[in-house]
Protein backbone atom coordinates (compact mmCIF):
# COMPACT_ATOMS: atom_id res chain seq x y z
CA MET A 1 -10.00 13.88 4.86
CA LYS A 2 -11.49 10.42 4.49
CA ARG A 3 -13.51 8.57 1.93
CA LEU A 4 -17.16 8.17 2.91
CA SER A 5 -16.57 4.42 3.05
CA GLU A 6 -13.83 4.95 5.68
CA LEU A 7 -15.92 6.82 8.27
CA GLU A 8 -16.28 5.11 11.62
CA TYR A 9 -19.70 4.25 13.03
CA GLY A 10 -21.35 7.45 14.28
CA GLU A 11 -18.65 9.66 12.73
CA SER A 12 -19.80 12.66 10.72
CA GLY A 13 -18.29 15.21 8.41
CA VAL A 14 -18.86 17.46 5.43
CA VAL A 15 -18.60 16.35 1.80
CA ARG A 16 -15.69 18.27 0.26
CA ASP A 17 -15.21 16.49 -3.09
CA ILE A 18 -16.93 13.94 -5.30
CA ARG A 19 -14.63 11.60 -7.25
CA ALA A 20 -17.26 9.14 -8.42
CA SER A 21 -20.55 9.29 -10.29
CA GLN A 22 -21.89 12.67 -9.22
CA HIS A 23 -25.30 11.75 -10.62
CA GLU A 24 -25.60 8.66 -8.44
CA LEU A 25 -24.51 10.48 -5.28
CA ASN A 26 -26.65 13.56 -6.09
CA CYS A 27 -29.72 11.33 -6.38
CA LEU A 28 -29.04 10.19 -2.81
CA GLY A 29 -28.63 13.76 -1.56
CA ILE A 30 -24.86 13.37 -1.09
CA ARG A 31 -23.44 16.62 -2.48
CA VAL A 32 -20.50 18.91 -1.79
CA LYS A 33 -21.01 20.90 1.46
CA LYS A 34 -23.61 18.43 2.81
CA ARG A 35 -23.11 16.97 6.29
CA VAL A 36 -23.21 13.17 6.45
CA LYS A 37 -23.13 10.75 9.39
CA MET A 38 -22.13 7.08 9.16
CA VAL A 39 -24.82 4.68 10.34
CA THR A 40 -23.43 1.32 9.23
CA ARG A 41 -21.05 -0.29 6.78
CA GLN A 42 -21.86 -3.86 5.83
CA PRO A 43 -18.96 -6.32 5.45
CA ILE A 44 -17.67 -7.81 2.20
CA LYS A 45 -18.49 -4.93 -0.15
CA GLY A 46 -21.97 -4.48 1.29
CA PRO A 47 -23.75 -1.14 1.29
CA VAL A 48 -22.78 1.91 3.29
CA VAL A 49 -25.67 3.58 5.13
CA VAL A 50 -25.40 7.26 6.09
CA ILE A 51 -27.71 10.03 7.27
CA VAL A 52 -28.04 13.07 4.98
CA ASP A 53 -30.67 15.76 5.61
CA ASP A 54 -32.28 13.63 8.36
CA MET A 55 -32.74 10.73 5.91
CA GLU A 56 -30.98 7.38 5.91
CA VAL A 57 -29.58 6.52 2.49
CA ALA A 58 -27.64 3.48 1.32
CA THR A 59 -25.04 3.32 -1.41
CA GLY A 60 -22.65 0.70 -2.70
CA LEU A 61 -19.13 0.60 -1.33
CA ASP A 62 -17.58 1.55 -4.68
CA THR A 63 -19.72 4.68 -4.90
CA ALA A 64 -19.08 5.60 -1.26
CA GLU A 65 -15.34 5.48 -1.91
CA GLY A 66 -15.76 8.39 -4.34
CA ALA A 67 -17.09 10.88 -1.77
CA ILE A 68 -14.34 12.71 0.14
CA ILE A 69 -15.37 13.79 3.64
CA GLU A 70 -13.75 16.35 5.94
CA THR A 71 -14.28 15.25 9.52
CA GLY A 72 -14.08 17.32 12.68
CA MET A 73 -15.23 20.52 10.97
CA GLU A 74 -18.49 22.43 11.13
CA GLU A 75 -20.45 22.84 7.91
CA SER A 76 -19.51 26.03 6.09
């Protein structure tokens, strides 16, 4: 398990837990059981950009730290 903000470039996984503002992440399409793929992570607390449902979405680093991702598993 990793925080969304800790995924490596190109790494993907399934959201298993939300430990931040669920409303903010839900608005971006980041929900439990959704598959996400890291696109880029900007330095110095910049945004994290991921692909969810074939859409690129960006979120702040603090928010991304609240999404817990299981890597190396198929979506269930």
